[in-house]
């Protein structure tokens, strides 16, 4: 297939509620919707997941625009693509910038599946008709507030509760949650907020029967995580430390983790996500799909990926209504008793609502062979 046009829809959507992590508090989500058009006029869609500031990684909305427009899109437009797996090879000369790469590659995957009149999940080798999902809960002002929020999601049937933690908002809050909910699947996400100097606090979390502690130490570390995992009973899950299949291989060989969170944007796209999934399956390492406060387009890609068999733990893909007053897809992502039923329409399985997309769009940039060469 030949990509003849790429449109970057610059979006700003406001979350229904502020979302707080150890990085900071988010209310507005700025991102790009990527629309990719082929020679027949069909469109595929992707979504960038970088934030406005370099909190989670070095990438931002602005750096994504620069890298996509100046380097990656010209590479896509230069010659036809036979299969989406070729995109990561074509992008290889450009180092890192995984979120920019992923946004474009995912649009190629959607377009490719639509051309084949096939749901994206089947193109990926997915095997599930429905997926279990959990919820990600930002840091709350008090333990009482946290318990109240969790109670709401337990009643809605979410399969797992992920609670953000940081020093000073960790053990005591989680202990109170456990007192109220002794049997729920509960995990803690630290977003790199601790060091080995906090070992005593982290070891206390072993008392709480957590599914995992996600990324407790530095965002670029696998050595200290191996030291920590050797003295913790609770499984460590790596997130920010894993950017590629090679990172996953090294972390597993070192014993740095027992679980890996695969975020499509963090690792550079669906192709690399599949490689990590397959390797973890061979090594007996559980994986799950994390979220980045995506709109429905990003959620749809996460749903398709999660149908692969080694995604055995509930992911973060909650209902659209959990985050947005109005999402940009139809139908919106809907969770029923902790389950999402995987759509069977071609591509990502959801339609983009053009009217809603335009209502949240603040700018649009169009790239084609003609204006790239000009």
Protein backbone atom coordinates (compact mmCIF):
# COMPACT_ATOMS: atom_id res chain seq x y z
CA UNK A 1 0.00 0.00 0.00
CA UNK A 2 1.12 3.57 -0.64
CA UNK A 3 0.68 6.25 2.01
CA UNK A 4 -0.24 9.39 0.12
CA UNK A 5 -1.20 11.70 2.96
CA UNK A 6 -0.64 12.01 6.73
CA UNK A 7 -2.73 14.42 8.79
CA UNK A 8 -1.74 15.44 12.32
CA UNK A 9 -4.81 16.51 14.27
CA UNK A 10 -3.56 18.49 17.27
CA UNK A 11 -6.01 17.74 20.10
CA UNK A 12 -6.71 19.04 23.60
CA UNK A 13 -9.23 17.11 25.71
CA UNK A 14 -10.10 17.79 29.35
CA UNK A 15 -10.26 14.90 31.78
CA UNK A 16 -13.42 14.53 33.84
CA UNK A 17 -11.29 14.49 37.00
CA UNK A 18 -7.68 15.49 37.75
CA UNK A 19 -5.28 12.53 37.64
CA UNK A 20 -2.38 12.61 40.10
CA UNK A 21 0.81 10.51 40.02
CA UNK A 22 4.28 10.94 41.52
CA UNK A 23 5.06 13.03 38.40
CA UNK A 24 2.33 15.59 39.00
CA UNK A 25 -1.36 16.27 38.34
CA UNK A 26 -2.99 16.21 34.89
CA UNK A 27 -6.29 17.77 33.84
CA UNK A 28 -5.89 18.63 30.14
CA UNK A 29 -4.53 15.96 27.76
CA UNK A 30 -2.77 17.36 24.70
CA UNK A 31 -1.91 14.88 21.94
CA UNK A 32 -2.04 14.13 18.23
CA UNK A 33 -4.49 11.98 16.34
CA UNK A 34 -2.70 10.66 13.27
CA UNK A 35 -4.82 10.09 10.19
CA UNK A 36 -3.09 8.17 7.40
CA UNK A 37 -4.61 7.98 3.93
CA UNK A 38 -3.69 5.45 1.23
CA UNK A 39 -3.98 5.60 -2.55
CA UNK A 40 -7.62 4.46 -2.40
CA UNK A 41 -8.66 7.22 -0.01
CA UNK A 42 -9.07 4.85 2.97
CA UNK A 43 -7.87 6.15 6.35
CA UNK A 44 -6.15 4.54 9.32
CA UNK A 45 -5.80 6.18 12.72
CA UNK A 46 -3.15 6.29 15.44
CA UNK A 47 -2.63 8.37 18.58
CA UNK A 48 0.43 9.91 20.17
CA UNK A 49 0.72 9.37 23.92
CA UNK A 50 3.47 11.82 24.89
CA UNK A 51 2.49 14.44 27.46
CA UNK A 52 2.96 18.19 27.14
CA UNK A 53 5.92 18.04 29.53
CA UNK A 54 8.71 15.43 29.70
CA UNK A 55 7.46 13.85 32.95
CA UNK A 56 7.02 10.25 31.90
CA UNK A 57 9.79 10.22 29.27
CA UNK A 58 11.94 12.67 27.34
CA UNK A 59 9.29 12.96 24.62
CA UNK A 60 6.66 15.71 24.53
CA UNK A 61 3.82 16.73 22.24
CA UNK A 62 6.09 19.28 20.58
CA UNK A 63 9.02 16.90 20.08
CA UNK A 64 6.63 14.34 18.61
CA UNK A 65 5.41 16.88 16.06
CA UNK A 66 8.98 17.77 15.09
CA UNK A 67 10.20 14.19 14.78
CA UNK A 68 7.13 13.00 12.90
CA UNK A 69 7.05 15.93 10.50
CA UNK A 70 10.74 16.30 9.80
CA UNK A 71 11.95 12.70 9.84
CA UNK A 72 9.40 9.90 10.19
CA UNK A 73 6.62 10.95 7.84
CA UNK A 74 9.05 11.53 4.95
CA UNK A 75 10.33 7.98 5.48
CA UNK A 76 6.76 6.65 5.28
CA UNK A 77 5.96 8.56 2.13
CA UNK A 78 9.07 7.61 0.17
CA UNK A 79 7.92 4.15 -0.98
CA UNK A 80 5.02 1.64 -0.63
CA UNK A 81 4.62 -0.55 2.48
CA UNK A 82 3.79 -4.23 2.11
CA UNK A 83 3.28 -4.97 5.82
CA UNK A 84 3.21 -2.83 9.01
CA UNK A 85 6.22 -4.70 10.42
CA UNK A 86 8.30 -2.84 7.80
CA UNK A 87 7.62 0.50 9.48
CA UNK A 88 9.88 -0.13 12.48
CA UNK A 89 12.67 -1.16 10.10
CA UNK A 90 12.20 2.01 8.08
CA UNK A 91 12.28 4.10 11.28
CA UNK A 92 15.39 2.38 12.68
CA UNK A 93 17.87 5.13 11.62
CA UNK A 94 15.98 7.53 13.92
CA UNK A 95 17.01 6.83 17.50
CA UNK A 96 14.49 6.56 20.33
CA UNK A 97 11.43 8.85 19.93
CA UNK A 98 9.32 5.72 20.43
CA UNK A 99 6.05 7.55 21.03
CA UNK A 100 6.35 9.44 17.75
CA UNK A 101 7.17 6.20 15.94
CA UNK A 102 4.31 4.33 17.58
CA UNK A 103 1.71 6.95 16.70
CA UNK A 104 2.49 6.56 12.99
CA UNK A 105 3.02 2.80 13.00
CA UNK A 106 -0.31 2.21 14.73
CA UNK A 107 -2.09 4.19 12.02
CA UNK A 108 -0.42 1.93 9.45
CA UNK A 109 -1.68 -1.15 11.31
CA UNK A 110 -5.25 0.19 11.36
CA UNK A 111 -5.11 1.03 7.65
CA UNK A 112 -3.59 -2.35 6.80
CA UNK A 113 -6.31 -4.23 8.70
CA UNK A 114 -9.04 -2.20 7.01
CA UNK A 115 -7.56 -2.92 3.58
CA UNK A 116 -7.72 -6.63 4.45
CA UNK A 117 -11.29 -6.20 5.76
CA UNK A 118 -10.13 -7.75 9.00
CA UNK A 119 -10.29 -6.68 12.67
CA UNK A 120 -6.91 -5.43 13.88
CA UNK A 121 -6.77 -7.98 16.69
CA UNK A 122 -6.95 -10.84 14.17
CA UNK A 123 -4.14 -9.29 12.12
CA UNK A 124 -2.05 -9.34 15.30
CA UNK A 125 -2.81 -12.98 16.04
CA UNK A 126 -5.16 -12.20 18.91
CA UNK A 127 -7.21 -15.05 20.35
CA UNK A 128 -9.62 -13.43 22.81
CA UNK A 129 -13.15 -12.24 22.17
CA UNK A 130 -13.16 -10.34 25.44
CA UNK A 131 -10.51 -8.94 27.76
CA UNK A 132 -10.40 -8.34 31.51
CA UNK A 133 -9.59 -4.80 32.56
CA UNK A 134 -8.66 -2.99 35.72
CA UNK A 135 -8.58 0.65 36.70
CA UNK A 136 -5.75 3.07 37.42
CA UNK A 137 -6.35 5.37 40.39
CA UNK A 138 -4.38 8.53 40.96
CA UNK A 139 -2.99 9.56 44.34
CA UNK A 140 -5.86 10.63 46.59
CA UNK A 141 -5.79 13.28 49.36
CA UNK A 142 -6.56 10.76 52.12
CA UNK A 143 -6.92 7.04 52.69
CA UNK A 144 -10.65 7.59 53.20
CA UNK A 145 -10.89 9.19 49.76
CA UNK A 146 -8.96 6.31 48.21
CA UNK A 147 -11.20 3.69 49.81
CA UNK A 148 -14.27 5.54 48.55
CA UNK A 149 -12.94 5.68 44.97
CA UNK A 150 -12.00 1.99 45.03
CA UNK A 151 -15.42 1.03 46.39
CA UNK A 152 -17.05 2.67 43.36
CA UNK A 153 -14.88 0.71 40.92
CA UNK A 154 -15.31 -2.56 42.82
CA UNK A 155 -19.05 -2.10 42.50
CA UNK A 156 -18.63 -1.49 38.75
CA UNK A 157 -16.85 -4.84 38.46
CA UNK A 158 -13.32 -3.81 37.50
CA UNK A 159 -11.02 -6.82 37.86
CA UNK A 160 -7.99 -5.08 39.37
CA UNK A 161 -7.18 -1.86 41.22
CA UNK A 162 -3.92 -0.03 40.45
CA UNK A 163 -3.11 2.63 43.01
CA UNK A 164 -0.49 5.30 42.40
CA UNK A 165 1.93 5.74 45.30
CA UNK A 166 4.84 7.96 46.30
CA UNK A 167 6.86 8.45 49.51
CA UNK A 168 4.46 9.56 52.21
CA UNK A 169 1.44 8.20 50.35
CA UNK A 170 2.10 4.47 50.25
CA UNK A 171 2.03 1.82 52.96
CA UNK A 172 -0.53 3.34 55.34
CA UNK A 173 -2.94 4.18 52.52
CA UNK A 174 -2.65 0.74 50.96
CA UNK A 175 -3.00 -0.90 54.38
CA UNK A 176 -6.31 0.91 54.83
CA UNK A 177 -7.44 -0.29 51.40
CA UNK A 178 -6.56 -3.88 52.33
CA UNK A 179 -8.49 -3.55 55.57
CA UNK A 180 -11.63 -2.65 53.64
CA UNK A 181 -11.01 -4.95 50.64
CA UNK A 182 -9.04 -8.02 51.79
CA UNK A 183 -9.62 -10.01 48.60
CA UNK A 184 -9.43 -7.61 45.64
CA UNK A 185 -6.59 -7.75 43.12
CA UNK A 186 -4.52 -4.78 44.21
CA UNK A 187 -1.26 -3.37 42.88
CA UNK A 188 0.85 -0.28 43.52
CA UNK A 189 2.42 1.93 40.84
CA UNK A 190 5.33 4.08 42.00
CA UNK A 191 6.38 5.68 38.68
CA UNK A 192 10.05 5.63 39.77
CA UNK A 193 9.45 7.51 43.02
CA UNK A 194 11.76 5.41 45.24
CA UNK A 195 15.40 4.39 45.64
CA UNK A 196 17.08 1.53 47.47
CA UNK A 197 17.29 3.88 50.46
CA UNK A 198 13.54 3.27 50.78
CA UNK A 199 14.01 -0.48 51.13
CA UNK A 200 12.32 -0.72 54.54
CA UNK A 201 9.17 0.95 53.23
CA UNK A 202 9.09 -1.18 50.09
CA UNK A 203 9.58 -4.39 52.09
CA UNK A 204 6.59 -3.46 54.28
CA UNK A 205 4.42 -3.65 51.17
CA UNK A 206 4.99 -7.42 51.23
CA UNK A 207 2.47 -7.55 54.09
CA UNK A 208 -0.37 -6.42 51.81
CA UNK A 209 -0.59 -9.31 49.34
CA UNK A 210 -0.17 -7.07 46.29
CA UNK A 211 -0.24 -8.45 42.75
CA UNK A 212 2.85 -6.36 41.98
CA UNK A 213 4.74 -3.14 42.61
CA UNK A 214 5.17 -1.31 39.33
CA UNK A 215 8.41 0.57 38.57
CA UNK A 216 9.44 1.42 42.15
CA UNK A 217 12.96 2.58 41.20
CA UNK A 218 14.56 4.79 38.55
CA UNK A 219 13.00 5.02 35.10
CA UNK A 220 16.19 3.82 33.37
CA UNK A 221 17.23 1.13 35.86
CA UNK A 222 17.29 -2.64 35.75
CA UNK A 223 20.28 -3.32 38.07
CA UNK A 224 18.82 -1.95 41.31
CA UNK A 225 15.46 -3.50 40.49
CA UNK A 226 17.20 -6.89 40.43
CA UNK A 227 18.62 -6.19 43.89
CA UNK A 228 15.20 -5.14 45.13
CA UNK A 229 13.36 -8.12 43.61
CA UNK A 230 15.79 -10.50 45.33
CA UNK A 231 14.57 -9.32 48.76
CA UNK A 232 10.89 -8.76 47.98
CA UNK A 233 8.21 -11.43 47.91
CA UNK A 234 5.94 -9.12 45.92
CA UNK A 235 6.58 -9.29 42.16
CA UNK A 236 8.15 -6.23 40.59
CA UNK A 237 6.64 -5.07 37.32
CA UNK A 238 8.78 -2.95 35.01
CA UNK A 239 7.26 -0.14 32.99
CA UNK A 240 9.48 2.89 32.20
CA UNK A 241 12.63 0.74 32.10
CA UNK A 242 11.43 -1.31 29.12
CA UNK A 243 11.69 0.34 25.69
CA UNK A 244 12.47 -2.67 23.50
CA UNK A 245 12.72 -6.43 23.27
CA UNK A 246 16.39 -6.08 24.24
CA UNK A 247 15.49 -4.21 27.43
CA UNK A 248 12.99 -6.94 28.27
CA UNK A 249 15.52 -9.70 27.63
CA UNK A 250 18.16 -8.11 29.85
CA UNK A 251 15.73 -7.37 32.67
CA UNK A 252 14.41 -10.93 32.68
CA UNK A 253 17.89 -12.45 32.57
CA UNK A 254 18.99 -10.27 35.50
CA UNK A 255 15.89 -11.12 37.54
CA UNK A 256 14.83 -7.46 37.67
CA UNK A 257 11.13 -8.25 37.43
CA UNK A 258 8.53 -11.00 37.29
CA UNK A 259 5.99 -9.00 35.26
CA UNK A 260 6.24 -6.50 32.38
CA UNK A 261 3.80 -3.74 31.52
CA UNK A 262 3.73 -3.32 27.72
CA UNK A 263 2.73 0.17 26.64
CA UNK A 264 2.58 0.43 22.87
CA UNK A 265 3.79 4.03 22.80
CA UNK A 266 6.67 3.45 25.18
CA UNK A 267 8.17 0.61 23.12
CA UNK A 268 7.70 2.19 19.69
CA UNK A 269 4.61 0.49 18.31
CA UNK A 270 2.62 -2.70 17.95
CA UNK A 271 5.39 -4.60 16.15
CA UNK A 272 7.84 -4.21 19.05
CA UNK A 273 5.03 -4.87 21.55
CA UNK A 274 4.38 -8.21 19.87
CA UNK A 275 8.07 -9.12 20.04
CA UNK A 276 8.15 -8.39 23.77
CA UNK A 277 4.93 -10.35 24.26
CA UNK A 278 6.30 -13.36 22.41
CA UNK A 279 9.59 -13.35 24.33
CA UNK A 280 7.82 -13.03 27.69
CA UNK A 281 5.57 -15.92 26.71
CA UNK A 282 8.63 -18.08 26.05
CA UNK A 283 10.14 -17.07 29.40
CA UNK A 284 6.95 -17.49 31.43
CA UNK A 285 6.75 -13.79 32.29
CA UNK A 286 3.24 -12.37 32.63
CA UNK A 287 2.45 -9.19 30.71
CA UNK A 288 -0.36 -6.66 30.75
CA UNK A 289 -1.20 -3.53 28.79
CA UNK A 290 -0.79 -0.20 30.53
CA UNK A 291 -2.59 3.03 29.70
CA UNK A 292 -1.46 6.59 29.01
CA UNK A 293 -4.76 8.47 29.44
CA UNK A 294 -5.57 7.77 25.79
CA UNK A 295 -8.63 8.81 23.85
CA UNK A 296 -10.67 6.06 22.24
CA UNK A 297 -8.26 5.61 19.32
CA UNK A 298 -5.37 4.71 21.62
CA UNK A 299 -7.66 2.56 23.75
CA UNK A 300 -8.75 0.65 20.65
CA UNK A 301 -5.14 -0.24 19.83
CA UNK A 302 -4.59 -1.35 23.44
CA UNK A 303 -7.67 -3.58 23.27
CA UNK A 304 -6.47 -5.25 20.07
CA UNK A 305 -3.01 -5.91 21.52
CA UNK A 306 -4.43 -7.32 24.76
CA UNK A 307 -6.13 -10.14 22.85
CA UNK A 308 -2.71 -11.83 22.50
CA UNK A 309 -2.50 -14.87 24.79
CA UNK A 310 0.27 -13.83 27.21
CA UNK A 311 -1.71 -10.79 28.36
CA UNK A 312 -2.93 -12.78 31.34
CA UNK A 313 -3.32 -9.89 33.81
CA UNK A 314 -6.01 -7.19 33.60
CA UNK A 315 -4.85 -4.04 31.83
CA UNK A 316 -5.58 -0.33 32.28
CA UNK A 317 -8.07 0.17 29.44
CA UNK A 318 -11.09 1.48 31.34
CA UNK A 319 -14.32 2.82 29.88
CA UNK A 320 -14.15 6.05 27.87
CA UNK A 321 -16.64 7.57 30.32
CA UNK A 322 -14.14 7.06 33.15
CA UNK A 323 -11.99 9.84 31.67
CA UNK A 324 -13.96 11.83 29.07
CA UNK A 325 -17.33 13.57 28.90
CA UNK A 326 -17.33 12.66 25.21
CA UNK A 327 -14.83 10.41 23.43
CA UNK A 328 -13.87 10.76 19.76
CA UNK A 329 -14.92 7.23 18.75
CA UNK A 330 -18.25 5.50 18.22
CA UNK A 331 -19.24 3.45 20.03
CA UNK A 332 -17.19 4.54 23.02
CA UNK A 333 -15.13 1.94 24.89
CA UNK A 334 -17.47 0.32 27.38
CA UNK A 335 -16.59 -1.94 30.30
CA UNK A 336 -19.24 -4.34 31.55
CA UNK A 337 -18.46 -6.06 34.86
CA UNK A 338 -14.72 -5.68 34.31
CA UNK A 339 -14.81 -6.95 30.71
CA UNK A 340 -14.47 -5.32 27.29
CA UNK A 341 -15.97 -7.21 24.38
CA UNK A 342 -13.54 -6.97 21.47
CA UNK A 343 -15.10 -5.34 18.38
CA UNK A 344 -15.13 -7.31 15.13
CA UNK A 345 -15.32 -4.46 12.64
CA UNK A 346 -12.32 -4.00 10.30
CA UNK A 347 -9.35 -2.09 11.69
CA UNK A 348 -9.45 -0.85 15.27
CA UNK A 349 -13.13 -1.72 15.40
CA UNK A 350 -14.44 1.74 16.24
CA UNK A 351 -15.47 4.67 14.03
CA UNK A 352 -13.93 8.11 14.50
CA UNK A 353 -16.58 10.74 15.16
CA UNK A 354 -15.38 13.55 12.91
CA UNK A 355 -17.61 16.15 14.51
CA UNK A 356 -16.32 15.42 18.01
CA UNK A 357 -12.71 15.19 16.78
CA UNK A 358 -12.97 18.63 15.21
CA UNK A 359 -14.53 20.07 18.37
CA UNK A 360 -11.40 19.14 20.34
CA UNK A 361 -8.90 19.96 17.57
CA UNK A 362 -6.78 23.09 17.97
CA UNK A 363 -4.66 22.72 14.83
CA UNK A 364 -4.17 20.50 11.78
CA UNK A 365 -1.08 19.81 9.68
CA UNK A 366 -1.19 17.90 6.41
CA UNK A 367 1.80 16.09 4.90
CA UNK A 368 1.90 14.63 1.40
CA UNK A 369 4.58 13.67 -1.07
CA UNK A 370 4.02 16.93 -2.85
CA UNK A 371 4.55 19.24 0.10
CA UNK A 372 7.31 17.07 1.60
CA UNK A 373 9.32 17.26 -1.61
CA UNK A 374 8.55 20.97 -1.98
